[in-house]
Amino acid sequence: MHPLDNVIWQALTTRQAQFAESRGTARRFPLEVTALAAFEQPNAEGYSSLASLVGLGGTGAVFLENPYEPLDGWDYVVGAPLLQMVCENGAATPDPQIQHDRISRLGIIELGDPDSPEMVALTALTKPGPFGKRTHELGYYVGIRDRGKLVAMAGERLKVPGYTEVSAVCTHPDHLGKGYAHVLMTEVMRHICERGEKPFLHVRGDNARAIAIYERLGFRTRWEGYFAVLRRTKA
């Protein structure tokens, strides 16, 4: 199996096993870290294990090879086609249109525990994907502040042997078009490559604008699948 196949499961059984909450053949991160969950196989045993793990009324966000098909005891909350993209050379190409002087004046800062409330607020506004008050514990996060306010950020999420995911890439709507996402992604990618790993990411398959940006950064589609947020409705 390639390290990026069934990537949530592999993360929770290898480099991020310390975060894993487990039941049978299902694993999940603590909800304060992220809603991501996985099963070893999307079969009856896998869904039964996930049901036991999340509990009645609980939810899990899973990655699937095929569109979710209704199952007794589960509600489909939300989902979409999903692309997994990898930057094989690990290096982003500089964008000459970015206002580097302005970004240099503002500065790129590393984010941590004290910044968590603002990180949660920014992701709640921009919706780059599941993000909780402990998500920043998964890796290296950086941001840009303007007049003291966090206006853009990016960081690391899933980690498997040889690869680290670039995630939570977002910019406040009032600050779009300034190249912040490109610069922050480049910084996170640099950090990943210095460890001898390759960057990868996930993006909604219908987000053409984001896909185009990631392709300019050197990412190419490796896998096409689906994500689904599921809620357990029966004990």
Protein backbone atom coordinates (compact mmCIF):
# COMPACT_ATOMS: atom_id res chain seq x y z
CA MET A 1 0.00 0.00 0.00
CA HIS A 2 1.25 3.47 -0.89
CA PRO A 3 1.58 5.76 2.18
CA LEU A 4 -1.07 8.10 0.74
CA ASP A 5 -3.68 5.37 0.21
CA ASN A 6 -6.36 5.42 2.95
CA VAL A 7 -4.29 8.30 4.28
CA ILE A 8 -6.25 9.11 7.46
CA TRP A 9 -6.01 5.49 8.60
CA GLN A 10 -2.30 5.38 7.79
CA ALA A 11 -1.64 8.64 9.64
CA LEU A 12 -3.39 7.32 12.75
CA THR A 13 -1.50 4.03 12.65
CA THR A 14 1.97 5.47 11.91
CA ARG A 15 3.31 8.99 12.48
CA GLN A 16 0.22 10.31 14.29
CA ALA A 17 -0.70 7.19 16.24
CA GLN A 18 -0.34 9.21 19.46
CA PHE A 19 -3.55 11.06 18.53
CA ALA A 20 -5.58 7.94 17.69
CA GLU A 21 -8.80 7.03 19.46
CA SER A 22 -9.53 3.45 18.44
CA ARG A 23 -12.34 0.92 18.39
CA GLY A 24 -12.09 -2.27 16.35
CA THR A 25 -11.03 -1.40 12.82
CA ALA A 26 -11.79 2.33 13.13
CA ARG A 27 -9.63 5.24 14.23
CA ARG A 28 -10.26 8.93 14.75
CA PHE A 29 -8.53 12.05 16.00
CA PRO A 30 -9.82 13.68 19.19
CA LEU A 31 -12.64 16.02 18.16
CA GLU A 32 -10.78 19.05 19.53
CA VAL A 33 -7.99 18.24 17.06
CA THR A 34 -10.06 17.45 13.96
CA ALA A 35 -13.20 15.58 12.92
CA LEU A 36 -11.25 13.24 10.62
CA ALA A 37 -11.84 9.52 11.09
CA ALA A 38 -11.12 6.34 9.16
CA PHE A 39 -11.67 2.62 8.97
CA GLU A 40 -9.27 0.00 7.68
CA GLN A 41 -11.87 -1.05 5.10
CA PRO A 42 -15.24 0.57 4.21
CA ASN A 43 -17.11 -2.64 4.96
CA ALA A 44 -19.69 -3.72 7.55
CA GLU A 45 -17.01 -4.26 10.19
CA GLY A 46 -15.48 -0.86 9.46
CA TYR A 47 -18.77 1.02 9.78
CA SER A 48 -19.70 -0.96 12.89
CA SER A 49 -16.38 -0.05 14.49
CA LEU A 50 -16.84 3.61 13.52
CA ALA A 51 -20.35 3.60 14.98
CA SER A 52 -19.02 2.30 18.27
CA LEU A 53 -16.22 4.86 18.22
CA VAL A 54 -18.31 7.99 17.54
CA GLY A 55 -21.36 6.92 19.60
CA LEU A 56 -25.01 7.81 19.13
CA GLY A 57 -25.31 11.28 17.61
CA GLY A 58 -21.57 11.45 17.00
CA THR A 59 -19.99 12.38 13.67
CA GLY A 60 -16.91 11.51 11.68
CA ALA A 61 -15.43 12.94 8.49
CA VAL A 62 -14.15 10.14 6.27
CA PHE A 63 -12.43 9.84 2.89
CA LEU A 64 -13.99 7.33 0.48
CA GLU A 65 -13.00 5.80 -2.85
CA ASN A 66 -16.60 5.99 -4.11
CA PRO A 67 -19.61 8.24 -3.40
CA TYR A 68 -21.24 7.49 -0.06
CA GLU A 69 -24.20 5.13 -0.36
CA PRO A 70 -26.92 5.37 2.32
CA LEU A 71 -26.49 2.98 5.23
CA ASP A 72 -28.95 2.17 7.97
CA GLY A 73 -28.07 4.03 11.15
CA TRP A 74 -26.14 6.82 9.47
CA ASP A 75 -27.10 10.31 8.26
CA TYR A 76 -25.12 11.93 5.48
CA VAL A 77 -24.41 15.47 6.73
CA VAL A 78 -22.29 16.92 3.94
CA GLY A 79 -19.70 15.84 1.39
CA ALA A 80 -18.16 16.46 -2.01
CA PRO A 81 -15.73 15.07 -4.57
CA LEU A 82 -12.16 15.23 -3.28
CA LEU A 83 -8.76 15.43 -4.94
CA GLN A 84 -5.48 14.43 -3.35
CA MET A 85 -2.59 16.36 -4.88
CA VAL A 86 1.16 15.85 -4.41
CA CYS A 87 4.12 18.13 -5.12
CA GLU A 88 6.71 15.58 -6.17
CA ASN A 89 9.64 18.02 -6.40
CA GLY A 90 8.63 19.60 -3.10
CA ALA A 91 9.44 23.17 -4.16
CA ALA A 92 6.99 25.95 -5.00
CA THR A 93 7.64 28.30 -7.91
CA PRO A 94 7.89 31.99 -6.91
CA ASP A 95 5.02 34.19 -8.13
CA PRO A 96 6.32 37.52 -9.52
CA GLN A 97 2.93 39.19 -9.02
CA ILE A 98 2.99 38.83 -5.24
CA GLN A 99 3.58 41.96 -3.16
CA HIS A 100 6.66 40.57 -1.43
CA ASP A 101 7.67 43.96 0.00
CA ARG A 102 4.34 44.30 1.78
CA ILE A 103 4.49 40.73 3.09
CA SER A 104 8.06 41.30 4.29
CA ARG A 105 6.91 44.36 6.23
CA LEU A 106 4.08 42.41 7.86
CA GLY A 107 6.20 39.33 8.46
CA ILE A 108 5.39 35.61 8.61
CA ILE A 109 4.88 34.39 12.17
CA GLU A 110 4.72 30.90 13.64
CA LEU A 111 1.38 30.17 15.29
CA GLY A 112 0.71 28.16 18.44
CA ASP A 113 -1.45 27.79 21.53
CA PRO A 114 -2.00 31.53 22.17
CA ASP A 115 -3.24 31.99 18.58
CA SER A 116 -5.73 29.11 18.64
CA PRO A 117 -8.92 31.21 19.16
CA GLU A 118 -8.06 33.43 16.17
CA MET A 119 -7.13 30.40 14.04
CA VAL A 120 -10.48 28.78 14.80
CA ALA A 121 -12.31 32.04 14.03
CA LEU A 122 -10.50 32.50 10.70
CA THR A 123 -11.20 28.93 9.58
CA ALA A 124 -14.83 29.21 10.68
CA LEU A 125 -15.15 32.25 8.41
CA THR A 126 -13.28 30.87 5.39
CA LYS A 127 -14.09 27.13 5.74
CA PRO A 128 -10.90 25.46 4.43
CA GLY A 129 -11.92 22.22 6.19
CA PRO A 130 -12.39 20.82 9.70
CA PHE A 131 -10.38 22.83 12.24
CA GLY A 132 -10.55 22.68 16.03
CA LYS A 133 -8.90 24.44 18.91
CA ARG A 134 -6.14 21.78 19.03
CA THR A 135 -5.62 21.29 15.28
CA HIS A 136 -2.44 23.36 15.43
CA GLU A 137 -0.88 20.57 17.53
CA LEU A 138 -0.61 18.46 14.36
CA GLY A 139 2.37 20.40 13.01
CA TYR A 140 3.93 23.66 11.88
CA TYR A 141 1.50 26.57 11.40
CA VAL A 142 2.32 30.03 10.12
CA GLY A 143 0.30 33.18 9.58
CA ILE A 144 0.29 36.84 8.64
CA ARG A 145 -1.09 39.59 10.85
CA ASP A 146 -2.24 42.99 9.63
CA ARG A 147 -2.76 45.65 12.32
CA GLY A 148 -2.57 42.87 14.89
CA LYS A 149 -5.31 40.76 13.31
CA LEU A 150 -4.66 37.28 11.92
CA VAL A 151 -5.62 37.58 8.24
CA ALA A 152 -4.05 34.47 6.65
CA MET A 153 -2.65 31.12 7.71
CA ALA A 154 -1.48 27.69 6.56
CA GLY A 155 -0.06 24.64 8.26
CA GLU A 156 0.41 20.87 8.46
CA ARG A 157 -2.24 18.24 9.17
CA LEU A 158 -1.94 14.57 8.17
CA LYS A 159 1.49 12.93 8.38
CA VAL A 160 2.46 9.54 6.95
CA PRO A 161 5.89 8.07 6.20
CA GLY A 162 7.61 10.35 3.68
CA TYR A 163 4.74 12.84 3.31
CA THR A 164 3.12 15.72 5.19
CA GLU A 165 -0.16 17.41 4.26
CA VAL A 166 -0.42 21.16 3.71
CA SER A 167 -3.75 22.23 5.19
CA ALA A 168 -5.89 25.04 6.62
CA VAL A 169 -4.79 27.40 3.85
CA CYS A 170 -7.06 30.41 4.21
CA THR A 171 -7.19 34.19 3.88
CA HIS A 172 -9.69 36.65 5.34
CA PRO A 173 -12.05 37.86 2.56
CA ASP A 174 -10.87 41.45 3.07
CA HIS A 175 -7.29 40.46 2.23
CA LEU A 176 -7.67 38.26 -0.85
CA GLY A 177 -5.53 38.83 -3.92
CA LYS A 178 -2.36 39.80 -2.05
CA GLY A 179 -0.55 36.48 -2.44
CA TYR A 180 -0.68 35.56 1.25
CA ALA A 181 -1.78 31.97 0.63
CA HIS A 182 1.01 31.38 -1.90
CA VAL A 183 3.70 32.73 0.43
CA LEU A 184 2.44 30.82 3.47
CA MET A 185 2.10 27.57 1.53
CA THR A 186 5.63 28.02 0.20
CA GLU A 187 6.90 28.44 3.76
CA VAL A 188 5.08 25.32 4.98
CA MET A 189 6.35 23.36 1.97
CA ARG A 190 9.91 24.51 2.70
CA HIS A 191 9.57 23.26 6.26
CA ILE A 192 8.27 19.87 5.03
CA CYS A 193 11.05 19.49 2.47
CA GLU A 194 13.74 20.28 5.03
CA ARG A 195 12.67 17.10 6.82
CA GLY A 196 13.16 15.12 3.60
CA GLU A 197 9.42 14.71 3.02
CA LYS A 198 7.06 15.58 0.17
CA PRO A 199 4.08 17.95 0.52
CA PHE A 200 0.57 16.83 -0.38
CA LEU A 201 -2.89 18.29 0.11
CA HIS A 202 -6.61 17.67 -0.31
CA VAL A 203 -9.02 19.97 -2.10
CA ARG A 204 -12.67 19.79 -3.09
CA GLY A 205 -12.94 18.50 -6.63
CA ASP A 206 -15.31 21.35 -7.55
CA ASN A 207 -12.99 24.13 -6.32
CA ALA A 208 -11.47 25.04 -9.68
CA ARG A 209 -9.87 28.27 -8.38
CA ALA A 210 -7.97 26.50 -5.60
CA ILE A 211 -6.94 23.62 -7.88
CA ALA A 212 -5.46 26.10 -10.38
CA ILE A 213 -3.48 27.80 -7.59
CA TYR A 214 -2.14 24.48 -6.33
CA GLU A 215 -1.15 23.40 -9.85
CA ARG A 216 0.85 26.63 -10.22
CA LEU A 217 2.62 25.69 -7.00
CA GLY A 218 3.64 22.35 -8.53
CA PHE A 219 0.94 20.04 -7.15
CA ARG A 220 -0.50 17.33 -9.38
CA THR A 221 -3.56 15.13 -8.79
CA ARG A 222 -2.70 11.68 -7.49
CA TRP A 223 -6.12 10.39 -6.37
CA GLU A 224 -9.76 11.26 -6.92
CA GLY A 225 -12.31 10.27 -4.31
CA TYR A 226 -14.89 11.72 -1.95
CA PHE A 227 -15.24 13.00 1.57
CA ALA A 228 -18.34 12.56 3.68
CA VAL A 229 -19.35 13.77 7.12
CA LEU A 230 -21.54 11.08 8.68
CA ARG A 231 -23.68 11.17 11.83
CA ARG A 232 -24.59 8.02 13.78
CA THR A 233 -28.37 7.90 14.30
CA LYS A 234 -28.89 4.46 15.89
CA ALA A 235 -27.24 2.80 18.89
